[in-house]
Amino acid sequence: MATGRKIYRSNDRLIGGVCSGIAEYLDIDPTIFRIGYALLTLCTAFSGVLLYLLLWIVIPPKA
């Protein structure tokens, strides 16, 4: 079931716009998502850093 929504890196960015882009897609506050992502990264021996870099490459920027 396609909704027509696509995920983009946001222009409201701190580093690459990945977290805020995902937060916009999920319709949640970007700050809450960033805090959750940081905690997840700490709990997974910093593997979230690698995931962030991969998503930065894969997710297109917002035009």
Protein backbone atom coordinates (compact mmCIF):
# COMPACT_ATOMS: atom_id res chain seq x y z
CA MET A 1 0.00 0.00 0.00
CA ALA A 2 1.84 3.09 -1.23
CA THR A 3 1.11 6.35 0.56
CA GLY A 4 3.18 8.53 -1.74
CA ARG A 5 5.43 9.71 1.10
CA LYS A 6 9.17 9.54 0.61
CA ILE A 7 11.99 9.99 3.06
CA TYR A 8 14.50 12.79 2.55
CA ARG A 9 17.34 14.31 4.54
CA SER A 10 15.98 17.45 6.13
CA ASN A 11 17.27 20.99 5.75
CA ASP A 12 16.77 21.35 9.53
CA ARG A 13 20.06 19.61 10.20
CA LEU A 14 22.72 19.39 12.84
CA ILE A 15 25.15 17.20 10.90
CA GLY A 16 23.61 15.58 7.85
CA GLY A 17 19.86 15.95 8.31
CA VAL A 18 19.32 12.19 8.64
CA CYS A 19 17.67 12.15 12.07
CA SER A 20 15.45 15.15 11.38
CA GLY A 21 14.47 13.70 8.00
CA ILE A 22 13.45 10.41 9.59
CA ALA A 23 11.61 12.33 12.34
CA GLU A 24 9.68 14.33 9.73
CA TYR A 25 8.78 11.11 7.92
CA LEU A 26 7.54 9.53 11.16
CA ASP A 27 5.85 12.80 12.20
CA ILE A 28 7.63 13.11 15.56
CA ASP A 29 9.75 15.82 17.17
CA PRO A 30 13.31 15.75 15.75
CA THR A 31 14.83 16.43 19.18
CA ILE A 32 13.14 13.38 20.68
CA PHE A 33 14.30 11.25 17.76
CA ARG A 34 17.89 12.55 18.07
CA ILE A 35 17.99 11.77 21.80
CA GLY A 36 16.63 8.27 21.18
CA TYR A 37 19.12 7.69 18.38
CA ALA A 38 22.01 8.87 20.56
CA LEU A 39 20.96 6.52 23.37
CA LEU A 40 20.61 3.65 20.93
CA THR A 41 24.06 4.42 19.55
CA LEU A 42 25.57 4.36 23.03
CA CYS A 43 23.86 1.07 23.89
CA THR A 44 25.03 -0.66 20.70
CA ALA A 45 28.76 0.07 21.02
CA PHE A 46 28.55 3.03 18.61
CA SER A 47 27.26 1.00 15.67
CA GLY A 48 24.72 3.80 15.18
CA VAL A 49 27.54 5.95 13.84
CA LEU A 50 28.08 3.52 10.97
CA LEU A 51 24.32 3.34 10.35
CA TYR A 52 24.13 7.16 10.31
CA LEU A 53 26.91 7.38 7.72
CA LEU A 54 25.22 4.74 5.57
CA LEU A 55 21.86 6.54 5.77
CA TRP A 56 23.58 9.84 4.95
CA ILE A 57 24.76 8.28 1.69
CA VAL A 58 21.52 6.44 0.84
CA ILE A 59 18.80 8.98 1.74
CA PRO A 60 18.55 11.78 -0.87
CA PRO A 61 18.60 15.43 0.23
CA LYS A 62 15.41 17.45 0.24
CA ALA A 63 15.29 19.74 -2.78
